[in-house]
PDB file of N, CA and C in Angstrom:
ATOM      1  N   UNK A   1     135.832  89.621  71.829  1.00  0.00           N
ATOM      2  CA  UNK A   1     134.522  90.549  71.960  1.00  0.00           C
ATOM      3  C   UNK A   1     133.484  89.550  71.632  1.00  0.00           C
ATOM      4  N   UNK A   2     132.080  89.710  72.264  1.00  0.00           N
ATOM      5  CA  UNK A   2     131.199  89.370  71.918  1.00  0.00           C
ATOM      6  C   UNK A   2     130.243  90.120  70.975  1.00  0.00           C
ATOM      7  N   UNK A   3     129.281  89.538  70.204  1.00  0.00           N
ATOM      8  CA  UNK A   3     128.414  90.357  69.577  1.00  0.00           C
ATOM      9  C   UNK A   3     127.092  90.901  70.003  1.00  0.00           C
ATOM     10  N   UNK A   4     126.895  91.964  69.332  1.00  0.00           N
ATOM     11  CA  UNK A   4     126.116  93.411  70.282  1.00  0.00           C
ATOM     12  C   UNK A   4     124.533  92.621  69.920  1.00  0.00           C
ATOM     13  N   UNK A   5     123.585  92.628  70.929  1.00  0.00           N
ATOM     14  CA  UNK A   5     122.472  92.070  70.511  1.00  0.00           C
ATOM     15  C   UNK A   5     121.716  93.396  71.157  1.00  0.00           C
ATOM     16  N   UNK A   6     120.242  93.517  70.629  1.00  0.00           N
ATOM     17  CA  UNK A   6     119.045  94.570  71.297  1.00  0.00           C
ATOM     18  C   UNK A   6     118.193  93.740  71.770  1.00  0.00           C
ATOM     19  N   UNK A   7     117.818  93.970  72.992  1.00  0.00           N
ATOM     20  CA  UNK A   7     116.693  92.832  73.506  1.00  0.00           C
ATOM     21  C   UNK A   7     115.582  94.404  73.140  1.00  0.00           C
ATOM     22  N   UNK A   8     114.909  93.685  72.167  1.00  0.00           N
ATOM     23  CA  UNK A   8     113.410  94.214  71.376  1.00  0.00           C
ATOM     24  C   UNK A   8     112.032  93.913  72.307  1.00  0.00           C
ATOM     25  N   UNK A   9     112.173  93.346  72.900  1.00  0.00           N
ATOM     26  CA  UNK A   9     110.999  92.796  73.842  1.00  0.00           C
ATOM     27  C   UNK A   9     111.271  92.243  75.183  1.00  0.00           C
ATOM     28  N   UNK A  10     111.071  92.404  76.207  1.00  0.00           N
ATOM     29  CA  UNK A  10     110.808  91.267  77.257  1.00  0.00           C
ATOM     30  C   UNK A  10     109.641  90.999  77.640  1.00  0.00           C
ATOM     31  N   UNK A  11     109.750  89.495  78.232  1.00  0.00           N
ATOM     32  CA  UNK A  11     108.522  89.044  78.636  1.00  0.00           C
ATOM     33  C   UNK A  11     107.856  89.370  79.840  1.00  0.00           C
ATOM     34  N   UNK A  12     106.777  90.137  79.717  1.00  0.00           N
ATOM     35  CA  UNK A  12     106.369  90.678  81.267  1.00  0.00           C
ATOM     36  C   UNK A  12     105.833  89.967  81.997  1.00  0.00           C
ATOM     37  N   UNK A  13     105.276  88.988  82.173  1.00  0.00           N
ATOM     38  CA  UNK A  13     105.311  87.909  83.169  1.00  0.00           C
ATOM     39  C   UNK A  13     106.410  87.594  84.006  1.00  0.00           C
ATOM     40  N   UNK A  14     107.310  87.083  83.206  1.00  0.00           N
ATOM     41  CA  UNK A  14     108.628  86.761  83.728  1.00  0.00           C
ATOM     42  C   UNK A  14     109.271  87.566  84.373  1.00  0.00           C
ATOM     43  N   UNK A  15     109.405  88.951  83.793  1.00  0.00           N
ATOM     44  CA  UNK A  15     110.405  90.064  84.167  1.00  0.00           C
ATOM     45  C   UNK A  15     109.817  90.229  85.705  1.00  0.00           C
ATOM     46  N   UNK A  16     108.408  90.616  85.419  1.00  0.00           N
ATOM     47  CA  UNK A  16     107.813  91.019  86.942  1.00  0.00           C
ATOM     48  C   UNK A  16     107.865  90.168  87.913  1.00  0.00           C
ATOM     49  N   UNK A  17     107.672  88.580  87.805  1.00  0.00           N
ATOM     50  CA  UNK A  17     107.859  87.945  88.856  1.00  0.00           C
ATOM     51  C   UNK A  17     109.362  87.752  89.179  1.00  0.00           C
ATOM     52  N   UNK A  18     110.333  88.110  88.514  1.00  0.00           N
ATOM     53  CA  UNK A  18     111.719  88.437  88.985  1.00  0.00           C
ATOM     54  C   UNK A  18     111.475  89.530  90.246  1.00  0.00           C
ATOM     55  N   UNK A  19     110.875  90.462  89.754  1.00  0.00           N
ATOM     56  CA  UNK A  19     111.175  91.556  89.823  1.00  0.00           C
ATOM     57  C   UNK A  19     110.581  92.124  91.427  1.00  0.00           C
ATOM     58  N   UNK A  20     109.237  91.186  91.455  1.00  0.00           N
ATOM     59  CA  UNK A  20     108.566  90.894  92.674  1.00  0.00           C
ATOM     60  C   UNK A  20     109.381  90.287  93.696  1.00  0.00           C
ATOM     61  N   UNK A  21     109.682  89.225  93.252  1.00  0.00           N
ATOM     62  CA  UNK A  21     110.668  88.172  94.262  1.00  0.00           C
ATOM     63  C   UNK A  21     112.023  89.272  94.748  1.00  0.00           C
ATOM     64  N   UNK A  22     112.690  90.210  93.869  1.00  0.00           N
ATOM     65  CA  UNK A  22     113.433  90.929  94.722  1.00  0.00           C
ATOM     66  C   UNK A  22     112.849  91.831  95.494  1.00  0.00           C
ATOM     67  N   UNK A  23     111.836  92.278  94.927  1.00  0.00           N
ATOM     68  CA  UNK A  23     111.257  93.487  96.063  1.00  0.00           C
ATOM     69  C   UNK A  23     110.601  92.580  97.393  1.00  0.00           C
ATOM     70  N   UNK A  24     110.344  91.618  97.090  1.00  0.00           N
ATOM     71  CA  UNK A  24     109.983  91.075  98.513  1.00  0.00           C
ATOM     72  C   UNK A  24     110.917  90.381  99.394  1.00  0.00           C
ATOM     73  N   UNK A  25     112.299  90.367  98.772  1.00  0.00           N
ATOM     74  CA  UNK A  25     113.467  90.117  99.735  1.00  0.00           C
ATOM     75  C   UNK A  25     113.964  91.438 100.236  1.00  0.00           C
ATOM     76  N   UNK A  26     113.758  92.501  99.497  1.00  0.00           N
ATOM     77  CA  UNK A  26     113.996  94.094 100.229  1.00  0.00           C
ATOM     78  C   UNK A  26     112.857  94.196 101.061  1.00  0.00           C
ATOM     79  N   UNK A  27     111.569  93.888 100.964  1.00  0.00           N
ATOM     80  CA  UNK A  27     110.653  93.742 101.999  1.00  0.00           C
ATOM     81  C   UNK A  27     110.841  93.152 103.124  1.00  0.00           C
ATOM     82  N   UNK A  28     111.564  92.175 102.971  1.00  0.00           N
ATOM     83  CA  UNK A  28     111.940  91.373 104.502  1.00  0.00           C
ATOM     84  C   UNK A  28     112.740  92.174 105.134  1.00  0.00           C
ATOM     85  N   UNK A  29     113.963  92.574 104.550  1.00  0.00           N
ATOM     86  CA  UNK A  29     114.806  93.525 104.967  1.00  0.00           C
ATOM     87  C   UNK A  29     114.366  94.533 105.784  1.00  0.00           C
ATOM     88  N   UNK A  30     113.579  95.273 104.564  1.00  0.00           N
ATOM     89  CA  UNK A  30     113.184  96.664 105.356  1.00  0.00           C
ATOM     90  C   UNK A  30     111.846  96.486 106.782  1.00  0.00           C
ATOM     91  N   UNK A  31     111.026  95.261 106.542  1.00  0.00           N
ATOM     92  CA  UNK A  31     110.411  94.844 107.445  1.00  0.00           C
ATOM     93  C   UNK A  31     110.983  94.421 109.076  1.00  0.00           C
ATOM     94  N   UNK A  32     112.384  93.801 108.637  1.00  0.00           N
ATOM     95  CA  UNK A  32     113.035  93.498 109.712  1.00  0.00           C
ATOM     96  C   UNK A  32     113.511  94.524 110.633  1.00  0.00           C
ATOM     97  N   UNK A  33     113.880  95.579 109.829  1.00  0.00           N
ATOM     98  CA  UNK A  33     114.225  97.054 110.334  1.00  0.00           C
ATOM     99  C   UNK A  33     113.304  97.802 110.830  1.00  0.00           C
ATOM    100  N   UNK A  34     112.333  97.466 110.481  1.00  0.00           N
ATOM    101  CA  UNK A  34     110.971  98.347 111.026  1.00  0.00           C
ATOM    102  C   UNK A  34     110.493  97.739 112.300  1.00  0.00           C
ATOM    103  N   UNK A  35     110.858  96.154 112.058  1.00  0.00           N
ATOM    104  CA  UNK A  35     110.278  95.663 113.367  1.00  0.00           C
ATOM    105  C   UNK A  35     111.274  95.892 114.702  1.00  0.00           C
ATOM    106  N   UNK A  36     112.208  96.073 114.261  1.00  0.00           N
ATOM    107  CA  UNK A  36     113.702  96.499 115.610  1.00  0.00           C
ATOM    108  C   UNK A  36     113.126  97.878 115.909  1.00  0.00           C
ATOM    109  N   UNK A  37     112.936  98.941 115.135  1.00  0.00           N
ATOM    110  CA  UNK A  37     112.379  99.923 115.459  1.00  0.00           C
ATOM    111  C   UNK A  37     111.237 100.088 116.582  1.00  0.00           C
ATOM    112  N   UNK A  38     109.945  99.224 116.047  1.00  0.00           N
ATOM    113  CA  UNK A  38     108.802  99.061 116.957  1.00  0.00           C
ATOM    114  C   UNK A  38     109.110  98.527 117.654  1.00  0.00           C
ATOM    115  N   UNK A  39     109.770  97.451 118.234  1.00  0.00           N
ATOM    116  CA  UNK A  39     110.498  96.955 119.692  1.00  0.00           C
ATOM    117  C   UNK A  39     110.964  97.827 120.453  1.00  0.00           C
ATOM    118  N   UNK A  40     111.624  98.548 119.868  1.00  0.00           N
ATOM    119  CA  UNK A  40     112.530  99.463 120.320  1.00  0.00           C
ATOM    120  C   UNK A  40     111.721 100.719 121.155  1.00  0.00           C
ATOM    121  N   UNK A  41     111.291 101.365 120.227  1.00  0.00           N
ATOM    122  CA  UNK A  41     110.132 102.263 120.613  1.00  0.00           C
ATOM    123  C   UNK A  41     109.076 101.814 121.488  1.00  0.00           C
ATOM    124  N   UNK A  42     108.608 100.754 121.353  1.00  0.00           N
ATOM    125  CA  UNK A  42     107.988 100.141 122.265  1.00  0.00           C
ATOM    126  C   UNK A  42     108.425 100.019 123.991  1.00  0.00           C
ATOM    127  N   UNK A  43     109.472  99.182 123.739  1.00  0.00           N
ATOM    128  CA  UNK A  43     109.888  99.397 124.953  1.00  0.00           C
ATOM    129  C   UNK A  43     110.430 100.600 125.527  1.00  0.00           C
ATOM    130  N   UNK A  44     110.833 101.558 125.042  1.00  0.00           N
ATOM    131  CA  UNK A  44     111.319 102.629 125.479  1.00  0.00           C
ATOM    132  C   UNK A  44     110.092 103.383 126.017  1.00  0.00           C
ATOM    133  N   UNK A  45     108.963 103.507 125.229  1.00  0.00           N
ATOM    134  CA  UNK A  45     107.694 103.670 125.721  1.00  0.00           C
ATOM    135  C   UNK A  45     106.981 103.334 127.128  1.00  0.00           C
ATOM    136  N   UNK A  46     106.900 101.845 126.839  1.00  0.00           N
ATOM    137  CA  UNK A  46     106.828 101.298 128.609  1.00  0.00           C
ATOM    138  C   UNK A  46     107.599 101.813 129.623  1.00  0.00           C
ATOM    139  N   UNK A  47     108.982 101.979 129.464  1.00  0.00           N
ATOM    140  CA  UNK A  47     109.695 102.283 130.396  1.00  0.00           C
ATOM    141  C   UNK A  47     109.848 103.840 130.863  1.00  0.00           C
ATOM    142  N   UNK A  48     109.379 104.582 129.803  1.00  0.00           N
ATOM    143  CA  UNK A  48     109.371 105.872 130.362  1.00  0.00           C
ATOM    144  C   UNK A  48     108.115 106.343 130.893  1.00  0.00           C
ATOM    145  N   UNK A  49     107.032 105.458 130.231  1.00  0.00           N
ATOM    146  CA  UNK A  49     105.312 105.532 130.784  1.00  0.00           C
ATOM    147  C   UNK A  49     104.843 104.858 131.478  1.00  0.00           C
ATOM    148  N   UNK A  50     104.861 104.371 132.908  1.00  0.00           N
ATOM    149  CA  UNK A  50     104.860 103.039 133.157  1.00  0.00           C
ATOM    150  C   UNK A  50     103.063 102.490 133.146  1.00  0.00           C
ATOM    151  N   UNK A  51     102.521 103.661 133.046  1.00  0.00           N
ATOM    152  CA  UNK A  51     100.922 103.442 132.859  1.00  0.00           C
ATOM    153  C   UNK A  51     100.483 102.921 131.554  1.00  0.00           C
ATOM    154  N   UNK A  52     101.498 102.970 130.416  1.00  0.00           N
ATOM    155  CA  UNK A  52     101.284 102.400 129.180  1.00  0.00           C
ATOM    156  C   UNK A  52     101.702 100.803 129.119  1.00  0.00           C
ATOM    157  N   UNK A  53     102.030 100.363 130.369  1.00  0.00           N
ATOM    158  CA  UNK A  53     102.212  98.927 129.864  1.00  0.00           C
ATOM    159  C   UNK A  53     101.030  97.870 129.903  1.00  0.00           C
ATOM    160  N   UNK A  54      99.952  98.444 129.167  1.00  0.00           N
ATOM    161  CA  UNK A  54      99.019  97.460 128.728  1.00  0.00           C
ATOM    162  C   UNK A  54      99.286  97.696 127.355  1.00  0.00           C
ATOM    163  N   UNK A  55      99.929  98.387 126.677  1.00  0.00           N
ATOM    164  CA  UNK A  55     100.028  98.166 125.426  1.00  0.00           C
ATOM    165  C   UNK A  55     100.580  97.200 124.729  1.00  0.00           C
ATOM    166  N   UNK A  56     100.991  96.218 125.572  1.00  0.00           N
ATOM    167  CA  UNK A  56     102.081  94.999 125.096  1.00  0.00           C
ATOM    168  C   UNK A  56     103.196  95.065 124.804  1.00  0.00           C
ATOM    169  N   UNK A  57     104.052  94.223 124.318  1.00  0.00           N
ATOM    170  CA  UNK A  57     105.208  94.249 123.759  1.00  0.00           C
ATOM    171  C   UNK A  57     105.441  94.655 122.535  1.00  0.00           C
ATOM    172  N   UNK A  58     104.542  94.952 121.654  1.00  0.00           N
ATOM    173  CA  UNK A  58     104.763  95.433 120.407  1.00  0.00           C
ATOM    174  C   UNK A  58     104.930  94.050 119.548  1.00  0.00           C
ATOM    175  N   UNK A  59     104.967  92.957 119.612  1.00  0.00           N
ATOM    176  CA  UNK A  59     105.366  91.842 118.873  1.00  0.00           C
ATOM    177  C   UNK A  59     104.301  91.783 117.600  1.00  0.00           C
ATOM    178  N   UNK A  60     103.011  92.106 118.115  1.00  0.00           N
ATOM    179  CA  UNK A  60     102.448  92.047 116.813  1.00  0.00           C
ATOM    180  C   UNK A  60     102.640  92.638 115.844  1.00  0.00           C
ATOM    181  N   UNK A  61     102.966  94.083 116.191  1.00  0.00           N
ATOM    182  CA  UNK A  61     103.042  95.454 115.233  1.00  0.00           C
ATOM    183  C   UNK A  61     104.451  94.715 114.672  1.00  0.00           C
ATOM    184  N   UNK A  62     105.234  94.178 115.451  1.00  0.00           N
ATOM    185  CA  UNK A  62     106.697  93.870 114.646  1.00  0.00           C
ATOM    186  C   UNK A  62     106.528  92.980 113.486  1.00  0.00           C
ATOM    187  N   UNK A  63     105.650  91.856 114.026  1.00  0.00           N
ATOM    188  CA  UNK A  63     105.666  90.790 112.923  1.00  0.00           C
ATOM    189  C   UNK A  63     104.907  91.073 111.987  1.00  0.00           C
ATOM    190  N   UNK A  64     103.671  91.820 111.898  1.00  0.00           N
ATOM    191  CA  UNK A  64     102.930  92.709 110.997  1.00  0.00           C
ATOM    192  C   UNK A  64     103.619  93.480 110.051  1.00  0.00           C
ATOM    193  N   UNK A  65     104.940  94.049 110.527  1.00  0.00           N
ATOM    194  CA  UNK A  65     105.633  95.042 109.827  1.00  0.00           C
ATOM    195  C   UNK A  65     106.772  93.830 109.011  1.00  0.00           C
ATOM    196  N   UNK A  66     106.964  92.818 109.354  1.00  0.00           N
ATOM    197  CA  UNK A  66     107.436  92.011 108.693  1.00  0.00           C
ATOM    198  C   UNK A  66     106.982  91.130 107.577  1.00  0.00           C
ATOM    199  N   UNK A  67     105.716  90.885 107.902  1.00  0.00           N
ATOM    200  CA  UNK A  67     104.761  89.946 107.177  1.00  0.00           C
ATOM    201  C   UNK A  67     104.187  91.048 106.036  1.00  0.00           C
ATOM    202  N   UNK A  68     104.005  92.260 106.304  1.00  0.00           N
ATOM    203  CA  UNK A  68     103.462  93.366 105.434  1.00  0.00           C
ATOM    204  C   UNK A  68     104.542  93.442 104.489  1.00  0.00           C
ATOM    205  N   UNK A  69     106.055  93.897 104.995  1.00  0.00           N
ATOM    206  CA  UNK A  69     106.851  94.413 103.950  1.00  0.00           C
ATOM    207  C   UNK A  69     107.549  93.052 102.762  1.00  0.00           C
ATOM    208  N   UNK A  70     107.030  91.820 103.097  1.00  0.00           N
ATOM    209  CA  UNK A  70     107.235  90.783 102.216  1.00  0.00           C
ATOM    210  C   UNK A  70     106.105  90.661 101.270  1.00  0.00           C
ATOM    211  N   UNK A  71     104.706  90.892 101.810  1.00  0.00           N
ATOM    212  CA  UNK A  71     103.959  90.435 100.791  1.00  0.00           C
ATOM    213  C   UNK A  71     103.704  91.851 100.302  1.00  0.00           C
ATOM    214  N   UNK A  72     103.735  93.190 100.576  1.00  0.00           N
ATOM    215  CA  UNK A  72     103.691  94.209 100.145  1.00  0.00           C
ATOM    216  C   UNK A  72     104.507  94.533  99.135  1.00  0.00           C
ATOM    217  N   UNK A  73     105.838  94.134  99.522  1.00  0.00           N
ATOM    218  CA  UNK A  73     107.002  94.121  98.475  1.00  0.00           C
ATOM    219  C   UNK A  73     106.782  93.035  97.191  1.00  0.00           C
ATOM    220  N   UNK A  74     106.036  92.418  97.607  1.00  0.00           N
ATOM    221  CA  UNK A  74     106.066  91.711  96.373  1.00  0.00           C
ATOM    222  C   UNK A  74     104.892  91.924  95.409  1.00  0.00           C
ATOM    223  N   UNK A  75     103.767  92.282  96.005  1.00  0.00           N
ATOM    224  CA  UNK A  75     102.650  92.401  95.037  1.00  0.00           C
ATOM    225  C   UNK A  75     103.097  93.898  94.523  1.00  0.00           C
ATOM    226  N   UNK A  76     103.731  94.853  95.321  1.00  0.00           N
ATOM    227  CA  UNK A  76     103.749  96.093  95.042  1.00  0.00           C
ATOM    228  C   UNK A  76     104.955  96.116  93.419  1.00  0.00           C
ATOM    229  N   UNK A  77     105.919  95.201  94.142  1.00  0.00           N
ATOM    230  CA  UNK A  77     106.818  95.078  92.976  1.00  0.00           C
ATOM    231  C   UNK A  77     106.548  94.455  91.996  1.00  0.00           C
ATOM    232  N   UNK A  78     105.732  93.530  91.919  1.00  0.00           N
ATOM    233  CA  UNK A  78     105.203  92.795  90.806  1.00  0.00           C
ATOM    234  C   UNK A  78     104.526  93.931  89.769  1.00  0.00           C
ATOM    235  N   UNK A  79     103.796  94.492  90.596  1.00  0.00           N
ATOM    236  CA  UNK A  79     102.834  95.670  89.564  1.00  0.00           C
ATOM    237  C   UNK A  79     103.549  96.645  89.176  1.00  0.00           C
ATOM    238  N   UNK A  80     104.579  96.992  89.731  1.00  0.00           N
ATOM    239  CA  UNK A  80     105.702  98.075  89.410  1.00  0.00           C
ATOM    240  C   UNK A  80     106.600  97.721  88.112  1.00  0.00           C
ATOM    241  N   UNK A  81     107.062  96.502  88.208  1.00  0.00           N
ATOM    242  CA  UNK A  81     108.052  96.014  87.283  1.00  0.00           C
ATOM    243  C   UNK A  81     107.311  95.551  85.981  1.00  0.00           C
ATOM    244  N   UNK A  82     105.957  95.017  86.246  1.00  0.00           N
ATOM    245  CA  UNK A  82     104.905  94.564  84.992  1.00  0.00           C
ATOM    246  C   UNK A  82     104.839  96.046  84.313  1.00  0.00           C
ATOM    247  N   UNK A  83     104.509  97.009  84.898  1.00  0.00           N
ATOM    248  CA  UNK A  83     104.144  98.259  84.281  1.00  0.00           C
ATOM    249  C   UNK A  83     105.592  98.828  83.612  1.00  0.00           C
ATOM    250  N   UNK A  84     106.595  98.441  84.234  1.00  0.00           N
ATOM    251  CA  UNK A  84     107.963  99.169  83.609  1.00  0.00           C
ATOM    252  C   UNK A  84     108.276  98.518  82.134  1.00  0.00           C
ATOM    253  N   UNK A  85     108.026  96.665  82.389  1.00  0.00           N
ATOM    254  CA  UNK A  85     107.909  95.910  81.302  1.00  0.00           C
ATOM    255  C   UNK A  85     107.099  96.451  80.005  1.00  0.00           C
ATOM    256  N   UNK A  86     105.988  96.835  80.537  1.00  0.00           N
ATOM    257  CA  UNK A  86     104.891  97.063  79.332  1.00  0.00           C
ATOM    258  C   UNK A  86     105.328  98.383  78.753  1.00  0.00           C
ATOM    259  N   UNK A  87     105.707  99.441  79.512  1.00  0.00           N
ATOM    260  CA  UNK A  87     106.301 100.617  78.788  1.00  0.00           C
ATOM    261  C   UNK A  87     107.808 100.346  78.195  1.00  0.00           C
ATOM    262  N   UNK A  88     108.185  99.639  78.426  1.00  0.00           N
ATOM    263  CA  UNK A  88     109.976  99.138  77.730  1.00  0.00           C
ATOM    264  C   UNK A  88     109.333  98.712  76.431  1.00  0.00           C
ATOM    265  N   UNK A  89     108.632  97.408  76.471  1.00  0.00           N
ATOM    266  CA  UNK A  89     108.004  96.925  75.137  1.00  0.00           C
ATOM    267  C   UNK A  89     107.471  98.092  74.418  1.00  0.00           C
ATOM    268  N   UNK A  90     106.752  99.137  74.827  1.00  0.00           N
ATOM    269  CA  UNK A  90     105.876  99.961  74.178  1.00  0.00           C
ATOM    270  C   UNK A  90     107.088 100.972  73.214  1.00  0.00           C
ATOM    271  N   UNK A  91     107.893 101.054  74.304  1.00  0.00           N
ATOM    272  CA  UNK A  91     109.171 102.058  73.730  1.00  0.00           C
ATOM    273  C   UNK A  91     110.328 101.642  72.965  1.00  0.00           C
ATOM    274  N   UNK A  92     110.774 100.338  72.968  1.00  0.00           N
ATOM    275  CA  UNK A  92     112.008  99.668  72.519  1.00  0.00           C
ATOM    276  C   UNK A  92     111.538  99.931  71.169  1.00  0.00           C
ATOM    277  N   UNK A  93     110.492  99.682  70.313  1.00  0.00           N
ATOM    278  CA  UNK A  93     110.633  99.654  68.872  1.00  0.00           C
ATOM    279  C   UNK A  93     111.033 101.062  68.532  1.00  0.00           C
ATOM    280  N   UNK A  94     110.403 102.103  69.298  1.00  0.00           N
ATOM    281  CA  UNK A  94     110.242 103.529  68.880  1.00  0.00           C
ATOM    282  C   UNK A  94     111.827 103.982  68.795  1.00  0.00           C
ATOM    283  N   UNK A  95     112.417 103.806  70.348  1.00  0.00           N
ATOM    284  CA  UNK A  95     113.672 104.503  70.315  1.00  0.00           C
ATOM    285  C   UNK A  95     114.835 103.704  70.348  1.00  0.00           C
ATOM    286  N   UNK A  96     114.587 102.139  70.230  1.00  0.00           N
ATOM    287  CA  UNK A  96     115.522 101.408  70.427  1.00  0.00           C
ATOM    288  C   UNK A  96     115.794 100.858  71.775  1.00  0.00           C
ATOM    289  N   UNK A  97     115.990  99.623  71.707  1.00  0.00           N
ATOM    290  CA  UNK A  97     116.246  99.038  72.972  1.00  0.00           C
ATOM    291  C   UNK A  97     117.652  98.650  73.547  1.00  0.00           C
ATOM    292  N   UNK A  98     117.617  98.104  74.541  1.00  0.00           N
ATOM    293  CA  UNK A  98     119.053  98.153  75.660  1.00  0.00           C
ATOM    294  C   UNK A  98     119.613  97.130  74.827  1.00  0.00           C
ATOM    295  N   UNK A  99     121.257  97.378  74.215  1.00  0.00           N
ATOM    296  CA  UNK A  99     122.055  96.747  73.677  1.00  0.00           C
ATOM    297  C   UNK A  99     122.834  95.898  74.843  1.00  0.00           C
ATOM    298  N   UNK A 100     123.136  94.993  74.564  1.00  0.00           N
ATOM    299  CA  UNK A 100     124.193  93.758  75.335  1.00  0.00           C
ATOM    300  C   UNK A 100     125.063  93.230  74.233  1.00  0.00           C
ATOM    301  N   UNK A 101     126.320  93.277  74.810  1.00  0.00           N
ATOM    302  CA  UNK A 101     127.371  92.480  74.193  1.00  0.00           C
ATOM    303  C   UNK A 101     127.320  90.758  74.692  1.00  0.00           C
ATOM    304  N   UNK A 102     127.035  89.796  73.685  1.00  0.00           N
ATOM    305  CA  UNK A 102     127.078  88.648  74.052  1.00  0.00           C
ATOM    306  C   UNK A 102     128.484  87.791  73.501  1.00  0.00           C
ATOM    307  N   UNK A 103     128.726  86.781  73.936  1.00  0.00           N
ATOM    308  CA  UNK A 103     129.398  85.837  74.008  1.00  0.00           C
ATOM    309  C   UNK A 103     129.100  84.658  73.424  1.00  0.00           C
TER     310      UNK A 103
END
């Protein structure tokens, strides 16, 4: 059995950066899924309505979904995790921090 330690404060910048990278990876995954949906939707639309063939292949929208997912995930993740870390640092002295068992 290891020793129980309490996390009293977390470094906001480091935790937010880690969270931002995780959210960027999730944004990439969801961006790829969105891009597939966009491409399937555009393909179905152009085959069902031949007059809409001028809308293109949807490649730009699909690429935008992927890039937007990564960038949005990173920025949004950084902001959200930084706010959570600040709230944790404010609450930990008042109600107690997270206890970890370390060896």
